[in-house]
Every structure is written in C-alpha cells, then in structure tokens.
Amino acid sequence: MYDESRGNATGPDRGPVPIAREILEGVEAVRRSGLTNMLDRPRVAQLAAEMGYPETSLWIQRHRDLYSRAIFQGFKAEDQEGGEE
C-alpha cells in the first residue's frame, strides 16, 4: 500500500524484519568482519557457519526472501518468546 501522506510504501512487508536474536548475532558477526558484501547471500551463509553460527547459516539458506528483504529494510531482534526488543 502506498501512503501518500508519508511518501512511501507501507504494509506488512515494510519495515525491519523480525529475527531471533541468536540469528541476528551471526548476521552481525559476518557484517562486522567485512569479508563479504552482505548481498552475497551464499557467501554470508558460508561465513556464518565458519564463524560458529550454524543456526544463522541455516536460517539464511531457508529464508532467502526474508534475508533479502531484511538487508534493505533492516533486522529487528526478537527474544525466543517472539517479543520484540
């Protein structure tokens, strides 16, 4: 949906993507390493596994669409009970 008053698209597919805090830690570790462009999803998954974040690697491989969306819209950490931070 386009919100003319705000000049941008709104809706359930906009804004930061909720992700488990543990998964986000792995994504952030890869980002901080500077070893790859974060748009290179397969390499990010590989590095996450190599850096000791196998859950992050698996999440990236299984949720390609969410990962891609989150790279442009941001990640939002959630605790394990589903609550947002």
C-alpha atoms as a PDB file:
ATOM      1  CA  MET A   1       0.000   0.000   0.000  1.00  0.00           C
ATOM      2  CA  TYR A   2       1.224   3.497  -0.777  1.00  0.00           C
ATOM      3  CA  ASP A   3       0.725   6.127   1.907  1.00  0.00           C
ATOM      4  CA  GLU A   4       0.674   9.466   0.096  1.00  0.00           C
ATOM      5  CA  SER A   5       0.950  11.469   3.299  1.00  0.00           C
ATOM      6  CA  ARG A   6       4.240   9.757   4.149  1.00  0.00           C
ATOM      7  CA  GLY A   7       5.511   9.376   0.609  1.00  0.00           C
ATOM      8  CA  ASN A   8       6.434   5.717   0.977  1.00  0.00           C
ATOM      9  CA  ALA A   9       5.018   2.228   0.822  1.00  0.00           C
ATOM     10  CA  THR A  10       3.512   0.772   3.963  1.00  0.00           C
ATOM     11  CA  GLY A  11       2.112  -2.605   4.902  1.00  0.00           C
ATOM     12  CA  PRO A  12       3.108  -5.903   6.461  1.00  0.00           C
ATOM     13  CA  ASP A  13       6.111  -6.331   4.141  1.00  0.00           C
ATOM     14  CA  ARG A  14       7.652  -2.973   5.078  1.00  0.00           C
ATOM     15  CA  GLY A  15       9.935  -2.108   7.932  1.00  0.00           C
ATOM     16  CA  PRO A  16      12.505  -4.180   9.788  1.00  0.00           C
ATOM     17  CA  VAL A  17      12.248  -7.963   9.542  1.00  0.00           C
ATOM     18  CA  PRO A  18      11.791  -9.718  12.913  1.00  0.00           C
ATOM     19  CA  ILE A  19      14.532 -12.270  13.546  1.00  0.00           C
ATOM     20  CA  ALA A  20      15.661 -14.298  16.560  1.00  0.00           C
ATOM     21  CA  ARG A  21      18.397 -12.536  18.481  1.00  0.00           C
ATOM     22  CA  GLU A  22      20.746 -15.534  18.077  1.00  0.00           C
ATOM     23  CA  ILE A  23      20.358 -15.437  14.291  1.00  0.00           C
ATOM     24  CA  LEU A  24      20.951 -11.696  14.200  1.00  0.00           C
ATOM     25  CA  GLU A  25      24.185 -12.124  16.186  1.00  0.00           C
ATOM     26  CA  GLY A  26      25.553 -14.308  13.394  1.00  0.00           C
ATOM     27  CA  VAL A  27      24.478 -11.883  10.672  1.00  0.00           C
ATOM     28  CA  GLU A  28      26.116  -9.022  12.566  1.00  0.00           C
ATOM     29  CA  ALA A  29      29.323 -11.012  13.084  1.00  0.00           C
ATOM     30  CA  VAL A  30      29.617 -11.552   9.327  1.00  0.00           C
ATOM     31  CA  ARG A  31      28.802  -7.900   8.610  1.00  0.00           C
ATOM     32  CA  ARG A  32      31.395  -6.633  11.089  1.00  0.00           C
ATOM     33  CA  SER A  33      34.042  -8.965   9.649  1.00  0.00           C
ATOM     34  CA  GLY A  34      33.924  -7.109   6.317  1.00  0.00           C
ATOM     35  CA  LEU A  35      34.810 -10.335   4.498  1.00  0.00           C
ATOM     36  CA  THR A  36      31.936 -10.156   2.015  1.00  0.00           C
ATOM     37  CA  ASN A  37      29.236  -7.991   0.585  1.00  0.00           C
ATOM     38  CA  MET A  38      26.075  -8.733   2.564  1.00  0.00           C
ATOM     39  CA  LEU A  39      24.168  -9.066  -0.719  1.00  0.00           C
ATOM     40  CA  ASP A  40      26.194 -12.209  -1.458  1.00  0.00           C
ATOM     41  CA  ARG A  41      23.761 -14.429   0.431  1.00  0.00           C
ATOM     42  CA  PRO A  42      25.522 -17.769  -0.197  1.00  0.00           C
ATOM     43  CA  ARG A  43      28.853 -16.359   0.998  1.00  0.00           C
ATOM     44  CA  VAL A  44      27.223 -14.790   4.065  1.00  0.00           C
ATOM     45  CA  ALA A  45      25.713 -18.189   4.950  1.00  0.00           C
ATOM     46  CA  GLN A  46      29.087 -19.881   4.434  1.00  0.00           C
ATOM     47  CA  LEU A  47      30.931 -17.354   6.591  1.00  0.00           C
ATOM     48  CA  ALA A  48      28.310 -17.559   9.334  1.00  0.00           C
ATOM     49  CA  ALA A  49      28.848 -21.321   9.535  1.00  0.00           C
ATOM     50  CA  GLU A  50      32.625 -20.916   9.517  1.00  0.00           C
ATOM     51  CA  MET A  51      32.420 -18.306  12.275  1.00  0.00           C
ATOM     52  CA  GLY A  52      30.447 -20.622  14.570  1.00  0.00           C
ATOM     53  CA  TYR A  53      26.885 -19.542  13.748  1.00  0.00           C
ATOM     54  CA  PRO A  54      25.375 -22.640  12.107  1.00  0.00           C
ATOM     55  CA  GLU A  55      21.819 -21.590  13.005  1.00  0.00           C
ATOM     56  CA  THR A  56      22.340 -18.294  11.192  1.00  0.00           C
ATOM     57  CA  SER A  57      23.700 -20.082   8.151  1.00  0.00           C
ATOM     58  CA  LEU A  58      20.709 -22.416   8.035  1.00  0.00           C
ATOM     59  CA  TRP A  59      18.241 -19.542   8.506  1.00  0.00           C
ATOM     60  CA  ILE A  60      19.793 -17.599   5.630  1.00  0.00           C
ATOM     61  CA  GLN A  61      19.616 -20.641   3.368  1.00  0.00           C
ATOM     62  CA  ARG A  62      15.995 -21.405   4.273  1.00  0.00           C
ATOM     63  CA  HIS A  63      14.681 -17.823   4.283  1.00  0.00           C
ATOM     64  CA  ARG A  64      16.159 -16.266   1.163  1.00  0.00           C
ATOM     65  CA  ASP A  65      13.271 -13.846   0.687  1.00  0.00           C
ATOM     66  CA  LEU A  66      13.295 -12.623   4.295  1.00  0.00           C
ATOM     67  CA  TYR A  67      17.066 -12.245   4.287  1.00  0.00           C
ATOM     68  CA  SER A  68      16.985 -10.203   1.091  1.00  0.00           C
ATOM     69  CA  ARG A  69      14.188  -8.020   2.414  1.00  0.00           C
ATOM     70  CA  ALA A  70      15.994  -7.504   5.726  1.00  0.00           C
ATOM     71  CA  ILE A  71      19.202  -6.394   4.012  1.00  0.00           C
ATOM     72  CA  PHE A  72      17.290  -3.426   2.586  1.00  0.00           C
ATOM     73  CA  GLN A  73      14.736  -2.838   5.355  1.00  0.00           C
ATOM     74  CA  GLY A  74      16.736  -3.849   8.410  1.00  0.00           C
ATOM     75  CA  PHE A  75      16.560  -6.582  11.027  1.00  0.00           C
ATOM     76  CA  LYS A  76      14.627  -6.374  14.290  1.00  0.00           C
ATOM     77  CA  ALA A  77      15.797  -8.629  17.135  1.00  0.00           C
ATOM     78  CA  GLU A  78      13.210 -10.753  18.903  1.00  0.00           C
ATOM     79  CA  ASP A  79      13.637 -12.817  22.023  1.00  0.00           C
ATOM     80  CA  GLN A  80      12.760 -16.511  21.853  1.00  0.00           C
ATOM     81  CA  GLU A  81       9.219 -15.925  23.073  1.00  0.00           C
ATOM     82  CA  GLY A  82       8.585 -13.757  19.992  1.00  0.00           C
ATOM     83  CA  GLY A  83       8.745 -10.416  21.786  1.00  0.00           C
ATOM     84  CA  GLU A  84      10.456  -7.518  20.105  1.00  0.00           C
ATOM     85  CA  GLU A  85      13.297  -5.515  21.545  1.00  0.00           C
END
